[in-house]
Full PDB file with SEQRES, HELIX, SHEET, SSBOND, CRYST1, ORIGX, SCALE, CONECT and MASTER records, all heavy atoms in Angstrom:
SEQRES   1 A   39  SER ILE PHE ARG ALA ARG ARG VAL LEU SER GLY ALA PRO          
SEQRES   2 A   39  GLU VAL GLU PRO PHE THR PRO GLU PRO MET ARG TYR THR          
SEQRES   3 A   39  PRO ALA ALA PRO VAL CYS ALA ALA GLN ASN ALA ALA ARG          
HELIX    1 AA1 VAL A    8  SER A   10  5                                   3    
HELIX    2 AA2 GLN A   35  ALA A   38  1                                   4    
SHEET    1 AA1 2 PHE A   3  ARG A   6  0                                        
SHEET    2 AA1 2 GLU A  14  PRO A  17 -1                                        
CRYST1    1.000    1.000    1.000  90.00  90.00  90.00 P 1           1          
ORIGX1      1.000000  0.000000  0.000000        0.00000                         
ORIGX2      0.000000  1.000000  0.000000        0.00000                         
ORIGX3      0.000000  0.000000  1.000000        0.00000                         
SCALE1      1.000000  0.000000  0.000000        0.00000                         
SCALE2      0.000000  1.000000  0.000000        0.00000                         
SCALE3      0.000000  0.000000  1.000000        0.00000                         
ATOM      1  N   SER A   1     203.684 231.920  67.934  1.00  0.00           N  
ATOM      2  CA  SER A   1     203.276 231.216  66.709  1.00  0.00           C  
ATOM      3  C   SER A   1     204.284 230.092  66.362  1.00  0.00           C  
ATOM      4  O   SER A   1     205.422 230.133  66.776  1.00  0.00           O  
ATOM      5  CB  SER A   1     203.164 232.166  65.527  1.00  0.00           C  
ATOM      6  OG  SER A   1     202.210 233.151  65.758  1.00  0.00           O  
ATOM      7  N   ILE A   2     203.783 229.148  65.577  1.00  0.00           N  
ATOM      8  CA  ILE A   2     204.668 228.052  65.075  1.00  0.00           C  
ATOM      9  C   ILE A   2     204.887 228.221  63.596  1.00  0.00           C  
ATOM     10  O   ILE A   2     203.938 228.507  62.825  1.00  0.00           O  
ATOM     11  CB  ILE A   2     204.039 226.671  65.354  1.00  0.00           C  
ATOM     12  CG1 ILE A   2     203.810 226.444  66.879  1.00  0.00           C  
ATOM     13  CG2 ILE A   2     204.894 225.535  64.794  1.00  0.00           C  
ATOM     14  CD1 ILE A   2     203.087 225.165  67.191  1.00  0.00           C  
ATOM     15  N   PHE A   3     206.111 228.006  63.183  1.00  0.00           N  
ATOM     16  CA  PHE A   3     206.485 228.141  61.795  1.00  0.00           C  
ATOM     17  C   PHE A   3     207.171 226.879  61.337  1.00  0.00           C  
ATOM     18  O   PHE A   3     207.827 226.171  62.097  1.00  0.00           O  
ATOM     19  CB  PHE A   3     207.411 229.355  61.580  1.00  0.00           C  
ATOM     20  CG  PHE A   3     206.791 230.648  61.885  1.00  0.00           C  
ATOM     21  CD1 PHE A   3     206.851 231.154  63.193  1.00  0.00           C  
ATOM     22  CD2 PHE A   3     206.100 231.361  60.921  1.00  0.00           C  
ATOM     23  CE1 PHE A   3     206.263 232.387  63.499  1.00  0.00           C  
ATOM     24  CE2 PHE A   3     205.519 232.583  61.245  1.00  0.00           C  
ATOM     25  CZ  PHE A   3     205.570 233.073  62.515  1.00  0.00           C  
ATOM     26  N   ARG A   4     206.989 226.584  60.040  1.00  0.00           N  
ATOM     27  CA  ARG A   4     207.650 225.465  59.372  1.00  0.00           C  
ATOM     28  C   ARG A   4     208.577 226.077  58.307  1.00  0.00           C  
ATOM     29  O   ARG A   4     208.145 226.967  57.534  1.00  0.00           O  
ATOM     30  CB  ARG A   4     206.636 224.591  58.721  1.00  0.00           C  
ATOM     31  CG  ARG A   4     207.194 223.312  58.059  1.00  0.00           C  
ATOM     32  CD  ARG A   4     206.042 222.522  57.450  1.00  0.00           C  
ATOM     33  NE  ARG A   4     206.362 221.113  57.267  1.00  0.00           N  
ATOM     34  CZ  ARG A   4     205.459 220.182  57.018  1.00  0.00           C  
ATOM     35  NH1 ARG A   4     204.156 220.506  56.901  1.00  0.00           N  
ATOM     36  NH2 ARG A   4     205.800 218.912  56.884  1.00  0.00           N  
ATOM     37  N   ALA A   5     209.817 225.600  58.277  1.00  0.00           N  
ATOM     38  CA  ALA A   5     210.791 226.084  57.278  1.00  0.00           C  
ATOM     39  C   ALA A   5     211.239 224.901  56.454  1.00  0.00           C  
ATOM     40  O   ALA A   5     211.708 223.911  56.955  1.00  0.00           O  
ATOM     41  CB  ALA A   5     211.968 226.714  57.959  1.00  0.00           C  
ATOM     42  N   ARG A   6     211.072 225.034  55.122  1.00  0.00           N  
ATOM     43  CA  ARG A   6     211.575 224.041  54.174  1.00  0.00           C  
ATOM     44  C   ARG A   6     212.780 224.605  53.437  1.00  0.00           C  
ATOM     45  O   ARG A   6     212.989 225.773  53.409  1.00  0.00           O  
ATOM     46  CB  ARG A   6     210.482 223.675  53.178  1.00  0.00           C  
ATOM     47  CG  ARG A   6     209.270 222.901  53.767  1.00  0.00           C  
ATOM     48  CD  ARG A   6     208.339 222.436  52.676  1.00  0.00           C  
ATOM     49  NE  ARG A   6     207.308 221.549  53.135  1.00  0.00           N  
ATOM     50  CZ  ARG A   6     206.090 221.912  53.501  1.00  0.00           C  
ATOM     51  NH1 ARG A   6     205.749 223.229  53.477  1.00  0.00           N  
ATOM     52  NH2 ARG A   6     205.186 221.037  53.895  1.00  0.00           N  
ATOM     53  N   ARG A   7     213.555 223.697  52.841  1.00  0.00           N  
ATOM     54  CA  ARG A   7     214.769 224.056  52.110  1.00  0.00           C  
ATOM     55  C   ARG A   7     215.731 224.880  53.013  1.00  0.00           C  
ATOM     56  O   ARG A   7     216.363 225.884  52.576  1.00  0.00           O  
ATOM     57  CB  ARG A   7     214.418 224.861  50.845  1.00  0.00           C  
ATOM     58  CG  ARG A   7     213.500 224.065  49.879  1.00  0.00           C  
ATOM     59  CD  ARG A   7     213.270 224.819  48.582  1.00  0.00           C  
ATOM     60  NE  ARG A   7     214.495 224.960  47.810  1.00  0.00           N  
ATOM     61  CZ  ARG A   7     215.113 226.121  47.553  1.00  0.00           C  
ATOM     62  NH1 ARG A   7     214.617 227.270  48.017  1.00  0.00           N  
ATOM     63  NH2 ARG A   7     216.173 226.147  46.819  1.00  0.00           N  
ATOM     64  N   VAL A   8     215.882 224.408  54.218  1.00  0.00           N  
ATOM     65  CA  VAL A   8     216.746 225.131  55.187  1.00  0.00           C  
ATOM     66  C   VAL A   8     218.210 225.127  54.723  1.00  0.00           C  
ATOM     67  O   VAL A   8     218.910 226.157  54.856  1.00  0.00           O  
ATOM     68  CB  VAL A   8     216.661 224.455  56.583  1.00  0.00           C  
ATOM     69  CG1 VAL A   8     217.631 225.066  57.581  1.00  0.00           C  
ATOM     70  CG2 VAL A   8     215.243 224.499  57.126  1.00  0.00           C  
ATOM     71  N   LEU A   9     218.634 224.067  54.101  1.00  0.00           N  
ATOM     72  CA  LEU A   9     220.032 223.945  53.729  1.00  0.00           C  
ATOM     73  C   LEU A   9     220.330 224.790  52.469  1.00  0.00           C  
ATOM     74  O   LEU A   9     221.537 224.984  52.104  1.00  0.00           O  
ATOM     75  CB  LEU A   9     220.426 222.498  53.437  1.00  0.00           C  
ATOM     76  CG  LEU A   9     220.272 221.576  54.658  1.00  0.00           C  
ATOM     77  CD1 LEU A   9     220.659 220.132  54.301  1.00  0.00           C  
ATOM     78  CD2 LEU A   9     221.117 222.050  55.817  1.00  0.00           C  
ATOM     79  N   SER A  10     219.363 225.325  51.811  1.00  0.00           N  
ATOM     80  CA  SER A  10     219.576 226.091  50.621  1.00  0.00           C  
ATOM     81  C   SER A  10     220.116 227.499  50.904  1.00  0.00           C  
ATOM     82  O   SER A  10     220.661 228.157  50.020  1.00  0.00           O  
ATOM     83  CB  SER A  10     218.249 226.259  49.823  1.00  0.00           C  
ATOM     84  OG  SER A  10     217.389 227.147  50.488  1.00  0.00           O  
ATOM     85  N   GLY A  11     219.970 227.960  52.147  1.00  0.00           N  
ATOM     86  CA  GLY A  11     220.302 229.337  52.486  1.00  0.00           C  
ATOM     87  C   GLY A  11     219.207 230.305  52.183  1.00  0.00           C  
ATOM     88  O   GLY A  11     219.308 231.499  52.526  1.00  0.00           O  
ATOM     89  N   ALA A  12     218.143 229.838  51.552  1.00  0.00           N  
ATOM     90  CA  ALA A  12     216.945 230.676  51.279  1.00  0.00           C  
ATOM     91  C   ALA A  12     215.713 229.920  51.706  1.00  0.00           C  
ATOM     92  O   ALA A  12     214.928 229.491  50.819  1.00  0.00           O  
ATOM     93  CB  ALA A  12     216.895 231.073  49.807  1.00  0.00           C  
ATOM     94  N   PRO A  13     215.543 229.676  52.975  1.00  0.00           N  
ATOM     95  CA  PRO A  13     214.478 228.801  53.452  1.00  0.00           C  
ATOM     96  C   PRO A  13     213.069 229.386  53.142  1.00  0.00           C  
ATOM     97  O   PRO A  13     212.900 230.627  53.118  1.00  0.00           O  
ATOM     98  CB  PRO A  13     214.703 228.705  54.936  1.00  0.00           C  
ATOM     99  CG  PRO A  13     215.513 229.909  55.291  1.00  0.00           C  
ATOM    100  CD  PRO A  13     216.352 230.195  54.083  1.00  0.00           C  
ATOM    101  N   GLU A  14     212.146 228.476  52.924  1.00  0.00           N  
ATOM    102  CA  GLU A  14     210.756 228.865  52.731  1.00  0.00           C  
ATOM    103  C   GLU A  14     210.026 228.741  54.067  1.00  0.00           C  
ATOM    104  O   GLU A  14     209.828 227.616  54.558  1.00  0.00           O  
ATOM    105  CB  GLU A  14     210.096 227.964  51.649  1.00  0.00           C  
ATOM    106  CG  GLU A  14     210.841 228.058  50.319  1.00  0.00           C  
ATOM    107  CD  GLU A  14     210.392 226.972  49.371  1.00  0.00           C  
ATOM    108  OE1 GLU A  14     209.619 226.094  49.787  1.00  0.00           O  
ATOM    109  OE2 GLU A  14     210.898 226.960  48.214  1.00  0.00           O  
ATOM    110  N   VAL A  15     209.673 229.850  54.666  1.00  0.00           N  
ATOM    111  CA  VAL A  15     209.075 229.862  56.030  1.00  0.00           C  
ATOM    112  C   VAL A  15     207.632 230.221  55.934  1.00  0.00           C  
ATOM    113  O   VAL A  15     207.247 231.209  55.292  1.00  0.00           O  
ATOM    114  CB  VAL A  15     209.827 230.856  56.935  1.00  0.00           C  
ATOM    115  CG1 VAL A  15     209.282 230.828  58.364  1.00  0.00           C  
ATOM    116  CG2 VAL A  15     211.367 230.576  56.944  1.00  0.00           C  
ATOM    117  N   GLU A  16     206.796 229.456  56.598  1.00  0.00           N  
ATOM    118  CA  GLU A  16     205.374 229.705  56.607  1.00  0.00           C  
ATOM    119  C   GLU A  16     204.779 229.312  57.935  1.00  0.00           C  
ATOM    120  O   GLU A  16     205.299 228.419  58.620  1.00  0.00           O  
ATOM    121  CB  GLU A  16     204.701 229.030  55.469  1.00  0.00           C  
ATOM    122  CG  GLU A  16     204.792 227.486  55.510  1.00  0.00           C  
ATOM    123  CD  GLU A  16     204.217 226.848  54.297  1.00  0.00           C  
ATOM    124  OE1 GLU A  16     203.792 227.554  53.369  1.00  0.00           O  
ATOM    125  OE2 GLU A  16     204.148 225.617  54.261  1.00  0.00           O  
ATOM    126  N   PRO A  17     203.662 229.898  58.373  1.00  0.00           N  
ATOM    127  CA  PRO A  17     202.988 229.470  59.575  1.00  0.00           C  
ATOM    128  C   PRO A  17     202.598 227.998  59.463  1.00  0.00           C  
ATOM    129  O   PRO A  17     202.262 227.522  58.382  1.00  0.00           O  
ATOM    130  CB  PRO A  17     201.736 230.378  59.646  1.00  0.00           C  
ATOM    131  CG  PRO A  17     202.102 231.583  58.837  1.00  0.00           C  
ATOM    132  CD  PRO A  17     202.970 231.087  57.728  1.00  0.00           C  
ATOM    133  N   PHE A  18     202.641 227.308  60.589  1.00  0.00           N  
ATOM    134  CA  PHE A  18     202.342 225.884  60.572  1.00  0.00           C  
ATOM    135  C   PHE A  18     201.243 225.585  61.614  1.00  0.00           C  
ATOM    136  O   PHE A  18     201.271 226.052  62.727  1.00  0.00           O  
ATOM    137  CB  PHE A  18     203.614 225.093  60.996  1.00  0.00           C  
ATOM    138  CG  PHE A  18     203.371 223.611  61.103  1.00  0.00           C  
ATOM    139  CD1 PHE A  18     203.150 222.803  59.997  1.00  0.00           C  
ATOM    140  CD2 PHE A  18     203.332 223.017  62.371  1.00  0.00           C  
ATOM    141  CE1 PHE A  18     202.922 221.438  60.121  1.00  0.00           C  
ATOM    142  CE2 PHE A  18     203.115 221.667  62.528  1.00  0.00           C  
ATOM    143  CZ  PHE A  18     202.906 220.885  61.402  1.00  0.00           C  
ATOM    144  N   THR A  19     200.269 224.828  61.143  1.00  0.00           N  
ATOM    145  CA  THR A  19     199.208 224.353  62.004  1.00  0.00           C  
ATOM    146  C   THR A  19     199.444 222.860  62.314  1.00  0.00           C  
ATOM    147  O   THR A  19     199.343 222.047  61.390  1.00  0.00           O  
ATOM    148  CB  THR A  19     197.826 224.555  61.366  1.00  0.00           C  
ATOM    149  OG1 THR A  19     197.613 225.938  61.068  1.00  0.00           O  
ATOM    150  CG2 THR A  19     196.719 224.069  62.298  1.00  0.00           C  
ATOM    151  N   PRO A  20     199.724 222.518  63.549  1.00  0.00           N  
ATOM    152  CA  PRO A  20     199.972 221.102  63.882  1.00  0.00           C  
ATOM    153  C   PRO A  20     198.720 220.257  63.560  1.00  0.00           C  
ATOM    154  O   PRO A  20     197.587 220.756  63.607  1.00  0.00           O  
ATOM    155  CB  PRO A  20     200.260 221.149  65.376  1.00  0.00           C  
ATOM    156  CG  PRO A  20     200.748 222.529  65.609  1.00  0.00           C  
ATOM    157  CD  PRO A  20     199.942 223.401  64.716  1.00  0.00           C  
ATOM    158  N   GLU A  21     198.974 218.984  63.319  1.00  0.00           N  
ATOM    159  CA  GLU A  21     197.913 218.046  62.983  1.00  0.00           C  
ATOM    160  C   GLU A  21     197.992 216.819  63.848  1.00  0.00           C  
ATOM    161  O   GLU A  21     198.394 215.723  63.435  1.00  0.00           O  
ATOM    162  CB  GLU A  21     197.998 217.682  61.503  1.00  0.00           C  
ATOM    163  CG  GLU A  21     197.902 218.828  60.545  1.00  0.00           C  
ATOM    164  CD  GLU A  21     198.208 218.431  59.100  1.00  0.00           C  
ATOM    165  OE1 GLU A  21     198.607 217.274  58.878  1.00  0.00           O  
ATOM    166  OE2 GLU A  21     198.012 219.290  58.227  1.00  0.00           O  
ATOM    167  N   PRO A  22     197.648 216.947  65.170  1.00  0.00           N  
ATOM    168  CA  PRO A  22     197.788 215.790  66.019  1.00  0.00           C  
ATOM    169  C   PRO A  22     196.958 214.597  65.552  1.00  0.00           C  
ATOM    170  O   PRO A  22     195.875 214.737  65.011  1.00  0.00           O  
ATOM    171  CB  PRO A  22     197.247 216.316  67.359  1.00  0.00           C  
ATOM    172  CG  PRO A  22     197.362 217.781  67.280  1.00  0.00           C  
ATOM    173  CD  PRO A  22     197.150 218.114  65.836  1.00  0.00           C  
ATOM    174  N   MET A  23     197.515 213.401  65.760  1.00  0.00           N  
ATOM    175  CA  MET A  23     196.807 212.179  65.347  1.00  0.00           C  
ATOM    176  C   MET A  23     195.657 211.919  66.277  1.00  0.00           C  
ATOM    177  O   MET A  23     195.734 212.080  67.475  1.00  0.00           O  
ATOM    178  CB  MET A  23     197.826 211.044  65.413  1.00  0.00           C  
ATOM    179  CG  MET A  23     197.238 209.678  65.011  1.00  0.00           C  
ATOM    180  SD  MET A  23     198.473 208.327  65.007  1.00  0.00           S  
ATOM    181  CE  MET A  23     199.264 208.640  63.403  1.00  0.00           C  
ATOM    182  N   ARG A  24     194.578 211.420  65.701  1.00  0.00           N  
ATOM    183  CA  ARG A  24     193.448 210.980  66.492  1.00  0.00           C  
ATOM    184  C   ARG A  24     193.750 209.595  67.045  1.00  0.00           C  
ATOM    185  O   ARG A  24     194.409 208.791  66.384  1.00  0.00           O  
ATOM    186  CB  ARG A  24     192.171 210.895  65.657  1.00  0.00           C  
ATOM    187  CG  ARG A  24     191.644 212.252  65.211  1.00  0.00           C  
ATOM    188  CD  ARG A  24     190.388 212.126  64.383  1.00  0.00           C  
ATOM    189  NE  ARG A  24     189.844 213.365  63.994  1.00  0.00           N  
ATOM    190  CZ  ARG A  24     188.946 214.056  64.739  1.00  0.00           C  
ATOM    191  NH1 ARG A  24     188.550 213.575  65.904  1.00  0.00           N  
ATOM    192  NH2 ARG A  24     188.473 215.217  64.313  1.00  0.00           N  
ATOM    193  N   TYR A  25     193.259 209.311  68.237  1.00  0.00           N  
ATOM    194  CA  TYR A  25     193.519 208.027  68.801  1.00  0.00           C  
ATOM    195  C   TYR A  25     192.726 206.897  68.157  1.00  0.00           C  
ATOM    196  O   TYR A  25     191.518 206.993  67.937  1.00  0.00           O  
ATOM    197  CB  TYR A  25     193.242 208.006  70.303  1.00  0.00           C  
ATOM    198  CG  TYR A  25     193.544 206.629  70.905  1.00  0.00           C  
ATOM    199  CD1 TYR A  25     194.825 206.304  71.201  1.00  0.00           C  
ATOM    200  CD2 TYR A  25     192.524 205.665  71.064  1.00  0.00           C  
ATOM    201  CE1 TYR A  25     195.136 205.019  71.698  1.00  0.00           C  
ATOM    202  CE2 TYR A  25     192.825 204.437  71.556  1.00  0.00           C  
ATOM    203  CZ  TYR A  25     194.115 204.089  71.865  1.00  0.00           C  
ATOM    204  OH  TYR A  25     194.431 202.845  72.351  1.00  0.00           O  
ATOM    205  N   THR A  26     193.428 205.809  67.800  1.00  0.00           N  
ATOM    206  CA  THR A  26     192.810 204.560  67.468  1.00  0.00           C  
ATOM    207  C   THR A  26     193.752 203.487  68.042  1.00  0.00           C  
ATOM    208  O   THR A  26     194.900 203.775  68.398  1.00  0.00           O  
ATOM    209  CB  THR A  26     192.737 204.335  65.928  1.00  0.00           C  
ATOM    210  OG1 THR A  26     194.007 204.091  65.438  1.00  0.00           O  
ATOM    211  CG2 THR A  26     192.046 205.515  65.232  1.00  0.00           C  
ATOM    212  N   PRO A  27     193.272 202.215  68.184  1.00  0.00           N  
ATOM    213  CA  PRO A  27     194.207 201.175  68.701  1.00  0.00           C  
ATOM    214  C   PRO A  27     195.410 200.956  67.824  1.00  0.00           C  
ATOM    215  O   PRO A  27     196.347 200.317  68.233  1.00  0.00           O  
ATOM    216  CB  PRO A  27     193.272 199.950  68.722  1.00  0.00           C  
ATOM    217  CG  PRO A  27     191.901 200.520  68.885  1.00  0.00           C  
ATOM    218  CD  PRO A  27     191.895 201.773  68.084  1.00  0.00           C  
ATOM    219  N   ALA A  28     195.372 201.455  66.582  1.00  0.00           N  
ATOM    220  CA  ALA A  28     196.474 201.304  65.671  1.00  0.00           C  
ATOM    221  C   ALA A  28     197.443 202.484  65.731  1.00  0.00           C  
ATOM    222  O   ALA A  28     198.493 202.455  65.056  1.00  0.00           O  
ATOM    223  CB  ALA A  28     196.007 201.105  64.230  1.00  0.00           C  
ATOM    224  N   ALA A  29     197.103 203.509  66.458  1.00  0.00           N  
ATOM    225  CA  ALA A  29     197.934 204.730  66.460  1.00  0.00           C  
ATOM    226  C   ALA A  29     199.268 204.452  67.191  1.00  0.00           C  
ATOM    227  O   ALA A  29     199.240 203.983  68.323  1.00  0.00           O  
ATOM    228  CB  ALA A  29     197.171 205.858  67.221  1.00  0.00           C  
ATOM    229  N   PRO A  30     200.412 204.712  66.540  1.00  0.00           N  
ATOM    230  CA  PRO A  30     201.691 204.414  67.156  1.00  0.00           C  
ATOM    231  C   PRO A  30     202.008 205.260  68.363  1.00  0.00           C  
ATOM    232  O   PRO A  30     201.627 206.446  68.443  1.00  0.00           O  
ATOM    233  CB  PRO A  30     202.664 204.685  66.042  1.00  0.00           C  
ATOM    234  CG  PRO A  30     201.898 204.762  64.756  1.00  0.00           C  
ATOM    235  CD  PRO A  30     200.533 205.261  65.166  1.00  0.00           C  
ATOM    236  N   VAL A  31     202.683 204.651  69.324  1.00  0.00           N  
ATOM    237  CA  VAL A  31     203.167 205.380  70.510  1.00  0.00           C  
ATOM    238  C   VAL A  31     204.682 205.106  70.617  1.00  0.00           C  
ATOM    239  O   VAL A  31     205.106 203.957  70.411  1.00  0.00           O  
ATOM    240  CB  VAL A  31     202.473 204.879  71.793  1.00  0.00           C  
ATOM    241  CG1 VAL A  31     203.090 205.492  73.025  1.00  0.00           C  
ATOM    242  CG2 VAL A  31     200.977 205.195  71.703  1.00  0.00           C  
ATOM    243  N   CYS A  32     205.438 206.108  70.903  1.00  0.00           N  
ATOM    244  CA  CYS A  32     206.888 205.989  71.081  1.00  0.00           C  
ATOM    245  C   CYS A  32     207.231 205.906  72.553  1.00  0.00           C  
ATOM    246  O   CYS A  32     206.524 206.492  73.377  1.00  0.00           O  
ATOM    247  CB  CYS A  32     207.607 207.178  70.430  1.00  0.00           C  
ATOM    248  SG  CYS A  32     207.399 207.300  68.643  1.00  0.00           S  
ATOM    249  N   ALA A  33     208.305 205.260  72.891  1.00  0.00           N  
ATOM    250  CA  ALA A  33     208.672 205.094  74.293  1.00  0.00           C  
ATOM    251  C   ALA A  33     210.161 205.242  74.497  1.00  0.00           C  
ATOM    252  O   ALA A  33     210.983 204.928  73.597  1.00  0.00           O  
ATOM    253  CB  ALA A  33     208.239 203.705  74.774  1.00  0.00           C  
ATOM    254  N   ALA A  34     210.519 205.733  75.691  1.00  0.00           N  
ATOM    255  CA  ALA A  34     211.914 205.762  76.105  1.00  0.00           C  
ATOM    256  C   ALA A  34     212.451 204.340  76.223  1.00  0.00           C  
ATOM    257  O   ALA A  34     211.726 203.399  76.504  1.00  0.00           O  
ATOM    258  CB  ALA A  34     212.037 206.524  77.410  1.00  0.00           C  
ATOM    259  N   GLN A  35     213.782 204.190  76.102  1.00  0.00           N  
ATOM    260  CA  GLN A  35     214.400 202.882  76.134  1.00  0.00           C  
ATOM    261  C   GLN A  35     214.044 202.104  77.400  1.00  0.00           C  
ATOM    262  O   GLN A  35     213.645 200.950  77.340  1.00  0.00           O  
ATOM    263  CB  GLN A  35     215.919 203.070  76.068  1.00  0.00           C  
ATOM    264  CG  GLN A  35     216.435 203.443  74.705  1.00  0.00           C  
ATOM    265  CD  GLN A  35     216.525 202.231  73.770  1.00  0.00           C  
ATOM    266  OE1 GLN A  35     216.658 201.132  74.204  1.00  0.00           O  
ATOM    267  NE2 GLN A  35     216.572 202.504  72.501  1.00  0.00           N  
ATOM    268  N   ASN A  36     214.237 202.738  78.555  1.00  0.00           N  
ATOM    269  CA  ASN A  36     214.022 201.994  79.832  1.00  0.00           C  
ATOM    270  C   ASN A  36     212.550 201.580  80.016  1.00  0.00           C  
ATOM    271  O   ASN A  36     212.276 200.512  80.584  1.00  0.00           O  
ATOM    272  CB  ASN A  36     214.469 202.835  81.040  1.00  0.00           C  
ATOM    273  CG  ASN A  36     215.979 202.939  81.100  1.00  0.00           C  
ATOM    274  OD1 ASN A  36     216.678 202.117  80.502  1.00  0.00           O  
ATOM    275  ND2 ASN A  36     216.473 203.923  81.810  1.00  0.00           N  
ATOM    276  N   ALA A  37     211.632 202.431  79.559  1.00  0.00           N  
ATOM    277  CA  ALA A  37     210.210 202.026  79.660  1.00  0.00           C  
ATOM    278  C   ALA A  37     209.925 200.846  78.759  1.00  0.00           C  
ATOM    279  O   ALA A  37     209.236 199.897  79.159  1.00  0.00           O  
ATOM    280  CB  ALA A  37     209.325 203.221  79.264  1.00  0.00           C  
ATOM    281  N   ALA A  38     210.437 200.880  77.563  1.00  0.00           N  
ATOM    282  CA  ALA A  38     210.211 199.790  76.609  1.00  0.00           C  
ATOM    283  C   ALA A  38     210.828 198.484  77.103  1.00  0.00           C  
ATOM    284  O   ALA A  38     210.244 197.396  76.882  1.00  0.00           O  
ATOM    285  CB  ALA A  38     210.759 200.133  75.209  1.00  0.00           C  
ATOM    286  N   ARG A  39     211.951 198.580  77.792  1.00  0.00           N  
ATOM    287  CA  ARG A  39     212.622 197.371  78.242  1.00  0.00           C  
ATOM    288  C   ARG A  39     212.072 196.769  79.538  1.00  0.00           C  
ATOM    289  O   ARG A  39     212.065 195.590  79.703  1.00  0.00           O  
ATOM    290  CB  ARG A  39     214.112 197.690  78.476  1.00  0.00           C  
ATOM    291  CG  ARG A  39     214.912 197.949  77.199  1.00  0.00           C  
ATOM    292  CD  ARG A  39     216.304 198.391  77.519  1.00  0.00           C  
ATOM    293  NE  ARG A  39     217.105 198.554  76.275  1.00  0.00           N  
ATOM    294  CZ  ARG A  39     218.358 198.970  76.278  1.00  0.00           C  
ATOM    295  NH1 ARG A  39     218.960 199.307  77.402  1.00  0.00           N  
ATOM    296  NH2 ARG A  39     219.028 199.116  75.169  1.00  0.00           N  
TER     297      ARG A  39                                                      
MASTER        0    0    0    2    2    0    0    6  296    1    0    3          
END                                                                             
């Protein structure tokens, strides 16, 4: 399972199950690249 924890630095984190929300593809959808690939 995947969990998301908020307020980690408080020492009393709020932990709950997390459902990922992948982005749908559009021509405006950002893509990240490694340095050498971008260069």
